[in-house]
Amino acid sequence: MESPRFSVIIPTLNEEAYLPKLLTCLSRQTYREFEVMVVDGSSEDATVAVAKPFRASLPKLSIVTTSKRNVSYQRNLGAQKAKGEYFVFFDADVQIPKSFLKRIWSAIVKKKSMLLTTWITPDSNKANDIVIIAISNIAVEAAKAIDRPFAGGYNTIVHRSVFSQVGGYNEKFKISEDHDFIQRCLAAGVQLTILRRPRLTFSLRRMRRYGYFSIIRKYAQAGVYQLLKKPITKALFEYPMGGHLYRTRKEVRKNVLGQLERSLLRSVKQWLSA
C-alpha cells in the first residue's frame, strides 16, 4: 500500500468533548492522502470510544494507547508508527477548515518547505480573544524576523526526515518542548515557513479556565527562558495536560453518567457471557 502524504498525529488525554470536533474536520478534508493517529494517554473518559466511530469516515484512523502521559512522548510514539511523508501535529482541541491539508500541500510544493506552521484564528468572536490571537500571529512573525522562530506543537507540519534528524520532541521538557523542537530544526538548517492561509482555529479554553493574564504571564516566563536558551526540564509553574480540566459542570455530570452507563453495560455483558 502506498504511504499517505500526511500523518496527522493527535496526543490525547480525557478529550472526549473536544476530539470529535477535530476528527469531524479531518473527515471533511478535500485532500484525502492522509492517515490519522490518535495517541491516547490512557484517558479516564470516553476519548477512545468517541474516536472509534470515525473509522467509517476516516479509514486510515489508528488509535494507539499508552500508560505514559507526556505530550512529547505521545507525539514521538505517533511518529514512530506513522507512515506519512509529512507529520502534522495537532492538539485535540483545535479545528481546521476543509481545505486545510490541500492548501498545506500546495504550499509545500510551491515553497519546497520541510517545516511549516500557519496563522491561527480564535474559537470565538469575543474582542479579547480576537486581540490575543492577532498578537500571537504578530509574535510568530516577529520571532522569525529576529531568527528565533517558533511554532506551537498544536500546529506543526514537518517532513519525517527532519523529525528523525533532530530526534523528535524532547521528552524531558516540562513546557515549550515545541519551541525547543523548532530551534533544533533551525540549527539543522531547516527554515520555518509561516503561512497566513489556511488558518487553524485555536482553542482559548486554557485562558478562560485559568485567566488570561495568568496564562500570558506563564507564556512570557517560558519565552524568556527560550530566549536565554535555557532548557525547561523543571516545572516553572503548573501547566497540566488533559481535557477534563476544562469541562463545565454540565459536562462533568454527563461524563459521570457516561462512566456509570459504560460500567453497567460491561457488567451486563459479563453476566450474559457467564
C-alpha atoms as a PDB file:
ATOM      1  CA  MET A   1       0.000   0.000   0.000  1.00  0.00           C
ATOM      2  CA  GLU A   2       1.287   3.451  -0.955  1.00  0.00           C
ATOM      3  CA  SER A   3       2.259   5.609   2.015  1.00  0.00           C
ATOM      4  CA  PRO A   4      -0.004   8.610   2.691  1.00  0.00           C
ATOM      5  CA  ARG A   5       1.258  12.127   2.131  1.00  0.00           C
ATOM      6  CA  PHE A   6       0.411  13.234   5.676  1.00  0.00           C
ATOM      7  CA  SER A   7       0.258  11.542   9.054  1.00  0.00           C
ATOM      8  CA  VAL A   8      -1.929  13.601  11.392  1.00  0.00           C
ATOM      9  CA  ILE A   9      -0.781  12.867  14.955  1.00  0.00           C
ATOM     10  CA  ILE A  10      -3.007  13.863  17.881  1.00  0.00           C
ATOM     11  CA  PRO A  11      -1.903  13.267  21.515  1.00  0.00           C
ATOM     12  CA  THR A  12      -4.920  12.996  23.812  1.00  0.00           C
ATOM     13  CA  LEU A  13      -5.845  12.789  27.474  1.00  0.00           C
ATOM     14  CA  ASN A  14      -9.506  12.947  28.509  1.00  0.00           C
ATOM     15  CA  GLU A  15     -10.575  14.737  25.326  1.00  0.00           C
ATOM     16  CA  GLU A  16     -13.985  13.151  24.691  1.00  0.00           C
ATOM     17  CA  ALA A  17     -15.625  16.590  24.461  1.00  0.00           C
ATOM     18  CA  TYR A  18     -13.119  18.096  22.005  1.00  0.00           C
ATOM     19  CA  LEU A  19     -11.593  15.316  19.886  1.00  0.00           C
ATOM     20  CA  PRO A  20     -14.779  14.593  17.868  1.00  0.00           C
ATOM     21  CA  LYS A  21     -14.783  18.164  16.544  1.00  0.00           C
ATOM     22  CA  LEU A  22     -11.267  17.786  15.159  1.00  0.00           C
ATOM     23  CA  LEU A  23     -11.968  14.322  13.750  1.00  0.00           C
ATOM     24  CA  THR A  24     -15.071  15.719  12.053  1.00  0.00           C
ATOM     25  CA  CYS A  25     -12.915  18.431  10.469  1.00  0.00           C
ATOM     26  CA  LEU A  26     -10.478  15.787   9.255  1.00  0.00           C
ATOM     27  CA  SER A  27     -13.245  13.626   7.830  1.00  0.00           C
ATOM     28  CA  ARG A  28     -14.341  16.588   5.681  1.00  0.00           C
ATOM     29  CA  GLN A  29     -10.928  17.356   4.182  1.00  0.00           C
ATOM     30  CA  THR A  30     -10.951  17.765   0.415  1.00  0.00           C
ATOM     31  CA  TYR A  31      -7.413  16.372   0.277  1.00  0.00           C
ATOM     32  CA  ARG A  32      -7.581  12.688   1.186  1.00  0.00           C
ATOM     33  CA  GLU A  33      -3.983  11.425   1.135  1.00  0.00           C
ATOM     34  CA  PHE A  34      -3.558  11.266   4.885  1.00  0.00           C
ATOM     35  CA  GLU A  35      -3.807   8.981   7.884  1.00  0.00           C
ATOM     36  CA  VAL A  36      -4.817   9.914  11.426  1.00  0.00           C
ATOM     37  CA  MET A  37      -3.163   8.651  14.590  1.00  0.00           C
ATOM     38  CA  VAL A  38      -4.770   9.317  17.947  1.00  0.00           C
ATOM     39  CA  VAL A  39      -2.191   8.624  20.667  1.00  0.00           C
ATOM     40  CA  ASP A  40      -4.086   8.413  23.926  1.00  0.00           C
ATOM     41  CA  GLY A  41      -2.507   8.572  27.379  1.00  0.00           C
ATOM     42  CA  SER A  42      -4.917   6.087  28.998  1.00  0.00           C
ATOM     43  CA  SER A  43      -7.799   8.526  29.256  1.00  0.00           C
ATOM     44  CA  GLU A  44     -10.277   8.021  32.071  1.00  0.00           C
ATOM     45  CA  ASP A  45     -13.191   9.203  29.964  1.00  0.00           C
ATOM     46  CA  ALA A  46     -14.586   8.078  26.595  1.00  0.00           C
ATOM     47  CA  THR A  47     -11.862   9.595  24.391  1.00  0.00           C
ATOM     48  CA  VAL A  48     -11.053   6.278  22.719  1.00  0.00           C
ATOM     49  CA  ALA A  49     -14.712   5.296  22.487  1.00  0.00           C
ATOM     50  CA  VAL A  50     -15.757   8.509  20.713  1.00  0.00           C
ATOM     51  CA  ALA A  51     -12.856   8.167  18.263  1.00  0.00           C
ATOM     52  CA  LYS A  52     -13.687   4.647  17.057  1.00  0.00           C
ATOM     53  CA  PRO A  53     -16.861   5.506  15.067  1.00  0.00           C
ATOM     54  CA  PHE A  54     -14.795   7.870  12.902  1.00  0.00           C
ATOM     55  CA  ARG A  55     -13.147   4.859  11.263  1.00  0.00           C
ATOM     56  CA  ALA A  56     -16.103   4.873   8.880  1.00  0.00           C
ATOM     57  CA  SER A  57     -15.259   8.355   7.559  1.00  0.00           C
ATOM     58  CA  LEU A  58     -11.516   8.109   8.263  1.00  0.00           C
ATOM     59  CA  PRO A  59     -10.482   4.628   7.048  1.00  0.00           C
ATOM     60  CA  LYS A  60      -6.833   5.318   7.886  1.00  0.00           C
ATOM     61  CA  LEU A  61      -7.550   6.128  11.529  1.00  0.00           C
ATOM     62  CA  SER A  62      -5.354   4.394  14.119  1.00  0.00           C
ATOM     63  CA  ILE A  63      -5.778   4.607  17.879  1.00  0.00           C
ATOM     64  CA  VAL A  64      -2.692   3.976  19.991  1.00  0.00           C
ATOM     65  CA  THR A  65      -2.867   3.834  23.774  1.00  0.00           C
ATOM     66  CA  THR A  66      -0.032   4.274  26.235  1.00  0.00           C
ATOM     67  CA  SER A  67       0.202   4.454  30.008  1.00  0.00           C
ATOM     68  CA  LYS A  68       2.700   7.317  29.746  1.00  0.00           C
ATOM     69  CA  ARG A  69       1.062  10.730  29.895  1.00  0.00           C
ATOM     70  CA  ASN A  70       3.565  13.039  28.280  1.00  0.00           C
ATOM     71  CA  VAL A  71       2.716  15.124  25.229  1.00  0.00           C
ATOM     72  CA  SER A  72       6.222  14.868  23.741  1.00  0.00           C
ATOM     73  CA  TYR A  73       6.345  11.113  24.285  1.00  0.00           C
ATOM     74  CA  GLN A  74       2.916  10.708  22.727  1.00  0.00           C
ATOM     75  CA  ARG A  75       3.900  12.758  19.674  1.00  0.00           C
ATOM     76  CA  ASN A  76       7.111  10.770  19.285  1.00  0.00           C
ATOM     77  CA  LEU A  77       5.244   7.483  19.660  1.00  0.00           C
ATOM     78  CA  GLY A  78       2.812   8.531  16.950  1.00  0.00           C
ATOM     79  CA  ALA A  79       5.701   9.484  14.678  1.00  0.00           C
ATOM     80  CA  GLN A  80       7.343   6.083  15.223  1.00  0.00           C
ATOM     81  CA  LYS A  81       4.218   4.346  13.966  1.00  0.00           C
ATOM     82  CA  ALA A  82       3.321   6.846  11.244  1.00  0.00           C
ATOM     83  CA  LYS A  83       3.745   6.089   7.536  1.00  0.00           C
ATOM     84  CA  GLY A  84       3.300   9.554   6.053  1.00  0.00           C
ATOM     85  CA  GLU A  85       5.865  11.722   4.303  1.00  0.00           C
ATOM     86  CA  TYR A  86       4.949  14.701   6.488  1.00  0.00           C
ATOM     87  CA  PHE A  87       3.886  14.632  10.136  1.00  0.00           C
ATOM     88  CA  VAL A  88       1.063  17.014  11.071  1.00  0.00           C
ATOM     89  CA  PHE A  89       0.921  17.590  14.821  1.00  0.00           C
ATOM     90  CA  PHE A  90      -2.376  18.868  16.216  1.00  0.00           C
ATOM     91  CA  ASP A  91      -3.745  19.193  19.737  1.00  0.00           C
ATOM     92  CA  ALA A  92      -7.156  17.616  20.291  1.00  0.00           C
ATOM     93  CA  ASP A  93      -8.941  20.932  20.848  1.00  0.00           C
ATOM     94  CA  VAL A  94      -8.082  22.622  17.538  1.00  0.00           C
ATOM     95  CA  GLN A  95     -10.223  22.759  14.404  1.00  0.00           C
ATOM     96  CA  ILE A  96      -9.351  23.236  10.739  1.00  0.00           C
ATOM     97  CA  PRO A  97     -11.209  24.243   7.550  1.00  0.00           C
ATOM     98  CA  LYS A  98     -11.930  21.526   4.995  1.00  0.00           C
ATOM     99  CA  SER A  99      -9.274  22.864   2.621  1.00  0.00           C
ATOM    100  CA  PHE A 100      -6.513  22.890   5.260  1.00  0.00           C
ATOM    101  CA  LEU A 101      -4.460  19.886   4.114  1.00  0.00           C
ATOM    102  CA  LYS A 102      -4.981  20.697   0.440  1.00  0.00           C
ATOM    103  CA  ARG A 103      -3.598  24.199   0.922  1.00  0.00           C
ATOM    104  CA  ILE A 104      -0.736  22.911   3.071  1.00  0.00           C
ATOM    105  CA  TRP A 105       0.288  20.508   0.312  1.00  0.00           C
ATOM    106  CA  SER A 106       0.064  23.275  -2.299  1.00  0.00           C
ATOM    107  CA  ALA A 107       2.364  25.432  -0.160  1.00  0.00           C
ATOM    108  CA  ILE A 108       4.823  22.566   0.274  1.00  0.00           C
ATOM    109  CA  VAL A 109       5.008  22.017  -3.482  1.00  0.00           C
ATOM    110  CA  LYS A 110       5.329  25.744  -4.227  1.00  0.00           C
ATOM    111  CA  LYS A 111       7.776  26.668  -1.468  1.00  0.00           C
ATOM    112  CA  LYS A 112       9.537  23.290  -1.124  1.00  0.00           C
ATOM    113  CA  SER A 113       9.072  23.585   2.638  1.00  0.00           C
ATOM    114  CA  MET A 114      10.129  20.916   5.111  1.00  0.00           C
ATOM    115  CA  LEU A 115       8.781  22.653   8.230  1.00  0.00           C
ATOM    116  CA  LEU A 116       5.602  24.701   8.408  1.00  0.00           C
ATOM    117  CA  THR A 117       3.021  26.293  10.647  1.00  0.00           C
ATOM    118  CA  THR A 118       0.099  28.626   9.999  1.00  0.00           C
ATOM    119  CA  TRP A 119      -1.532  31.642  11.481  1.00  0.00           C
ATOM    120  CA  ILE A 120      -4.372  30.906  13.864  1.00  0.00           C
ATOM    121  CA  THR A 121      -7.867  32.240  14.431  1.00  0.00           C
ATOM    122  CA  PRO A 122      -9.804  32.321  17.751  1.00  0.00           C
ATOM    123  CA  ASP A 123     -12.601  29.917  18.644  1.00  0.00           C
ATOM    124  CA  SER A 124     -14.949  32.800  19.458  1.00  0.00           C
ATOM    125  CA  ASN A 125     -15.853  36.285  18.236  1.00  0.00           C
ATOM    126  CA  LYS A 126     -15.109  37.934  21.585  1.00  0.00           C
ATOM    127  CA  ALA A 127     -12.970  41.065  21.319  1.00  0.00           C
ATOM    128  CA  ASN A 128     -10.415  39.846  23.894  1.00  0.00           C
ATOM    129  CA  ASP A 129      -9.916  36.592  22.027  1.00  0.00           C
ATOM    130  CA  ILE A 130      -9.537  38.303  18.666  1.00  0.00           C
ATOM    131  CA  VAL A 131      -6.916  40.681  20.066  1.00  0.00           C
ATOM    132  CA  ILE A 132      -4.928  37.909  21.776  1.00  0.00           C
ATOM    133  CA  ILE A 133      -4.837  35.803  18.605  1.00  0.00           C
ATOM    134  CA  ALA A 134      -3.819  38.821  16.499  1.00  0.00           C
ATOM    135  CA  ILE A 135      -0.936  39.477  18.886  1.00  0.00           C
ATOM    136  CA  SER A 136       0.033  35.791  18.726  1.00  0.00           C
ATOM    137  CA  ASN A 137       0.217  35.878  14.921  1.00  0.00           C
ATOM    138  CA  ILE A 138       2.329  39.030  15.013  1.00  0.00           C
ATOM    139  CA  ALA A 139       4.604  37.446  17.641  1.00  0.00           C
ATOM    140  CA  VAL A 140       5.208  34.425  15.406  1.00  0.00           C
ATOM    141  CA  GLU A 141       6.254  36.699  12.549  1.00  0.00           C
ATOM    142  CA  ALA A 142       8.413  38.867  14.821  1.00  0.00           C
ATOM    143  CA  ALA A 143      10.186  35.843  16.314  1.00  0.00           C
ATOM    144  CA  LYS A 144      11.126  34.633  12.842  1.00  0.00           C
ATOM    145  CA  ALA A 145      12.361  38.112  11.939  1.00  0.00           C
ATOM    146  CA  ILE A 146      14.883  38.017  14.815  1.00  0.00           C
ATOM    147  CA  ASP A 147      15.933  34.472  13.900  1.00  0.00           C
ATOM    148  CA  ARG A 148      14.163  32.881  16.870  1.00  0.00           C
ATOM    149  CA  PRO A 149      11.203  31.248  15.100  1.00  0.00           C
ATOM    150  CA  PHE A 150       8.703  29.110  16.943  1.00  0.00           C
ATOM    151  CA  ALA A 151       5.562  27.136  16.220  1.00  0.00           C
ATOM    152  CA  GLY A 152       3.103  25.611  18.648  1.00  0.00           C
ATOM    153  CA  GLY A 153       3.048  21.840  18.914  1.00  0.00           C
ATOM    154  CA  TYR A 154      -0.688  22.137  18.319  1.00  0.00           C
ATOM    155  CA  ASN A 155       0.019  23.228  14.709  1.00  0.00           C
ATOM    156  CA  THR A 156       3.327  21.962  13.317  1.00  0.00           C
ATOM    157  CA  ILE A 157       3.919  20.238   9.980  1.00  0.00           C
ATOM    158  CA  VAL A 158       7.334  18.633   9.449  1.00  0.00           C
ATOM    159  CA  HIS A 159       8.912  16.251   6.969  1.00  0.00           C
ATOM    160  CA  ARG A 160       9.622  12.872   8.544  1.00  0.00           C
ATOM    161  CA  SER A 161      13.323  13.075   7.612  1.00  0.00           C
ATOM    162  CA  VAL A 162      13.707  16.366   9.517  1.00  0.00           C
ATOM    163  CA  PHE A 163      11.851  14.961  12.507  1.00  0.00           C
ATOM    164  CA  SER A 164      14.189  11.963  12.527  1.00  0.00           C
ATOM    165  CA  GLN A 165      17.275  14.121  12.017  1.00  0.00           C
ATOM    166  CA  VAL A 166      16.624  16.260  15.114  1.00  0.00           C
ATOM    167  CA  GLY A 167      15.398  13.350  17.230  1.00  0.00           C
ATOM    168  CA  GLY A 168      11.776  14.423  17.600  1.00  0.00           C
ATOM    169  CA  TYR A 169      10.442  16.217  20.672  1.00  0.00           C
ATOM    170  CA  ASN A 170      12.484  16.315  23.865  1.00  0.00           C
ATOM    171  CA  GLU A 171      10.501  14.296  26.395  1.00  0.00           C
ATOM    172  CA  LYS A 172      12.322  15.868  29.359  1.00  0.00           C
ATOM    173  CA  PHE A 173      10.836  19.315  28.746  1.00  0.00           C
ATOM    174  CA  LYS A 174       8.020  20.377  31.068  1.00  0.00           C
ATOM    175  CA  ILE A 175       6.858  23.173  28.750  1.00  0.00           C
ATOM    176  CA  SER A 176       7.991  24.822  25.499  1.00  0.00           C
ATOM    177  CA  GLU A 177       9.058  21.493  24.041  1.00  0.00           C
ATOM    178  CA  ASP A 178       7.576  22.763  20.769  1.00  0.00           C
ATOM    179  CA  HIS A 179       9.789  25.869  20.767  1.00  0.00           C
ATOM    180  CA  ASP A 180      12.827  23.696  21.500  1.00  0.00           C
ATOM    181  CA  PHE A 181      11.900  21.422  18.595  1.00  0.00           C
ATOM    182  CA  ILE A 182      11.758  24.338  16.135  1.00  0.00           C
ATOM    183  CA  GLN A 183      15.095  25.686  17.363  1.00  0.00           C
ATOM    184  CA  ARG A 184      16.759  22.324  16.797  1.00  0.00           C
ATOM    185  CA  CYS A 185      15.290  22.214  13.300  1.00  0.00           C
ATOM    186  CA  LEU A 186      16.732  25.681  12.677  1.00  0.00           C
ATOM    187  CA  ALA A 187      20.142  24.538  13.950  1.00  0.00           C
ATOM    188  CA  ALA A 188      19.936  21.682  11.458  1.00  0.00           C
ATOM    189  CA  GLY A 189      19.493  24.198   8.647  1.00  0.00           C
ATOM    190  CA  VAL A 190      15.723  23.820   8.213  1.00  0.00           C
ATOM    191  CA  GLN A 191      13.799  27.068   7.940  1.00  0.00           C
ATOM    192  CA  LEU A 192      10.261  27.516   9.258  1.00  0.00           C
ATOM    193  CA  THR A 193       7.608  28.516   6.723  1.00  0.00           C
ATOM    194  CA  ILE A 194       4.740  30.524   8.216  1.00  0.00           C
ATOM    195  CA  LEU A 195       1.516  30.522   6.191  1.00  0.00           C
ATOM    196  CA  ARG A 196      -1.130  33.194   6.710  1.00  0.00           C
ATOM    197  CA  ARG A 197      -3.635  30.927   4.990  1.00  0.00           C
ATOM    198  CA  PRO A 198      -5.113  28.472   5.790  1.00  0.00           C
ATOM    199  CA  ARG A 199      -5.704  29.258   9.442  1.00  0.00           C
ATOM    200  CA  LEU A 200      -6.190  26.832  12.285  1.00  0.00           C
ATOM    201  CA  THR A 201      -8.852  27.554  14.898  1.00  0.00           C
ATOM    202  CA  PHE A 202      -7.106  27.750  18.248  1.00  0.00           C
ATOM    203  CA  SER A 203      -8.910  26.957  21.495  1.00  0.00           C
ATOM    204  CA  LEU A 204      -8.563  29.549  24.232  1.00  0.00           C
ATOM    205  CA  ARG A 205     -10.048  27.195  26.825  1.00  0.00           C
ATOM    206  CA  ARG A 206      -6.914  27.302  28.974  1.00  0.00           C
ATOM    207  CA  MET A 207      -7.073  31.097  29.240  1.00  0.00           C
ATOM    208  CA  ARG A 208     -10.771  31.011  30.045  1.00  0.00           C
ATOM    209  CA  ARG A 209     -10.203  28.422  32.746  1.00  0.00           C
ATOM    210  CA  TYR A 210      -7.147  29.914  34.457  1.00  0.00           C
ATOM    211  CA  GLY A 211      -7.383  33.580  33.465  1.00  0.00           C
ATOM    212  CA  TYR A 212      -5.949  35.477  30.509  1.00  0.00           C
ATOM    213  CA  PHE A 213      -3.256  37.366  32.402  1.00  0.00           C
ATOM    214  CA  SER A 214      -2.164  34.283  34.334  1.00  0.00           C
ATOM    215  CA  ILE A 215      -1.553  32.271  31.169  1.00  0.00           C
ATOM    216  CA  ILE A 216       0.081  35.179  29.324  1.00  0.00           C
ATOM    217  CA  ARG A 217       2.464  35.619  32.280  1.00  0.00           C
ATOM    218  CA  LYS A 218       3.377  31.939  32.124  1.00  0.00           C
ATOM    219  CA  TYR A 219       3.970  32.109  28.373  1.00  0.00           C
ATOM    220  CA  ALA A 220       6.150  35.189  28.864  1.00  0.00           C
ATOM    221  CA  GLN A 221       8.167  33.453  31.589  1.00  0.00           C
ATOM    222  CA  ALA A 222       8.727  30.431  29.347  1.00  0.00           C
ATOM    223  CA  GLY A 223       9.601  32.754  26.463  1.00  0.00           C
ATOM    224  CA  VAL A 224      12.373  34.412  28.465  1.00  0.00           C
ATOM    225  CA  TYR A 225      13.894  31.004  29.168  1.00  0.00           C
ATOM    226  CA  GLN A 226      13.762  30.192  25.472  1.00  0.00           C
ATOM    227  CA  LEU A 227      15.445  33.476  24.513  1.00  0.00           C
ATOM    228  CA  LEU A 228      18.181  32.718  27.044  1.00  0.00           C
ATOM    229  CA  LYS A 229      18.401  29.204  25.559  1.00  0.00           C
ATOM    230  CA  LYS A 230      17.724  27.571  28.900  1.00  0.00           C
ATOM    231  CA  PRO A 231      16.073  24.136  28.732  1.00  0.00           C
ATOM    232  CA  ILE A 232      12.881  23.951  30.790  1.00  0.00           C
ATOM    233  CA  THR A 233      13.375  20.490  32.262  1.00  0.00           C
ATOM    234  CA  LYS A 234      11.986  21.500  35.658  1.00  0.00           C
ATOM    235  CA  ALA A 235       8.462  22.769  36.229  1.00  0.00           C
ATOM    236  CA  LEU A 236       8.437  26.580  36.329  1.00  0.00           C
ATOM    237  CA  PHE A 237       4.726  26.551  37.099  1.00  0.00           C
ATOM    238  CA  GLU A 238       1.709  24.279  36.936  1.00  0.00           C
ATOM    239  CA  TYR A 239       0.746  23.528  33.326  1.00  0.00           C
ATOM    240  CA  PRO A 240      -1.256  20.285  33.362  1.00  0.00           C
ATOM    241  CA  MET A 241      -2.423  18.288  30.343  1.00  0.00           C
ATOM    242  CA  GLY A 242      -5.959  16.945  29.898  1.00  0.00           C
ATOM    243  CA  GLY A 243      -9.329  17.952  28.517  1.00  0.00           C
ATOM    244  CA  HIS A 244     -11.025  17.131  31.830  1.00  0.00           C
ATOM    245  CA  LEU A 245      -9.550  20.331  33.279  1.00  0.00           C
ATOM    246  CA  TYR A 246     -11.791  22.500  31.115  1.00  0.00           C
ATOM    247  CA  ARG A 247     -15.159  20.802  31.454  1.00  0.00           C
ATOM    248  CA  THR A 248     -18.236  22.719  32.562  1.00  0.00           C
ATOM    249  CA  ARG A 249     -20.349  21.382  35.421  1.00  0.00           C
ATOM    250  CA  LYS A 250     -22.823  20.061  32.863  1.00  0.00           C
ATOM    251  CA  GLU A 251     -20.056  18.194  31.030  1.00  0.00           C
ATOM    252  CA  VAL A 252     -18.753  16.770  34.314  1.00  0.00           C
ATOM    253  CA  ARG A 253     -22.200  15.402  35.164  1.00  0.00           C
ATOM    254  CA  LYS A 254     -22.527  13.968  31.651  1.00  0.00           C
ATOM    255  CA  ASN A 255     -19.127  12.301  31.967  1.00  0.00           C
ATOM    256  CA  VAL A 256     -20.001  10.707  35.321  1.00  0.00           C
ATOM    257  CA  LEU A 257     -23.281   9.385  33.928  1.00  0.00           C
ATOM    258  CA  GLY A 258     -21.452   8.093  30.871  1.00  0.00           C
ATOM    259  CA  GLN A 259     -18.954   6.227  33.030  1.00  0.00           C
ATOM    260  CA  LEU A 260     -21.776   4.651  35.044  1.00  0.00           C
ATOM    261  CA  GLU A 261     -23.552   3.628  31.844  1.00  0.00           C
ATOM    262  CA  ARG A 262     -20.416   2.029  30.395  1.00  0.00           C
ATOM    263  CA  SER A 263     -19.738   0.223  33.664  1.00  0.00           C
ATOM    264  CA  LEU A 264     -23.285  -1.116  33.694  1.00  0.00           C
ATOM    265  CA  LEU A 265     -23.022  -2.319  30.090  1.00  0.00           C
ATOM    266  CA  ARG A 266     -19.781  -4.150  30.863  1.00  0.00           C
ATOM    267  CA  SER A 267     -21.424  -5.845  33.845  1.00  0.00           C
ATOM    268  CA  VAL A 268     -24.406  -6.954  31.727  1.00  0.00           C
ATOM    269  CA  LYS A 269     -22.126  -8.338  29.007  1.00  0.00           C
ATOM    270  CA  GLN A 270     -20.088 -10.259  31.584  1.00  0.00           C
ATOM    271  CA  TRP A 271     -23.294 -11.639  33.130  1.00  0.00           C
ATOM    272  CA  LEU A 272     -24.645 -12.718  29.719  1.00  0.00           C
ATOM    273  CA  SER A 273     -21.388 -14.413  28.751  1.00  0.00           C
ATOM    274  CA  ALA A 274     -21.083 -16.251  32.100  1.00  0.00           C
END
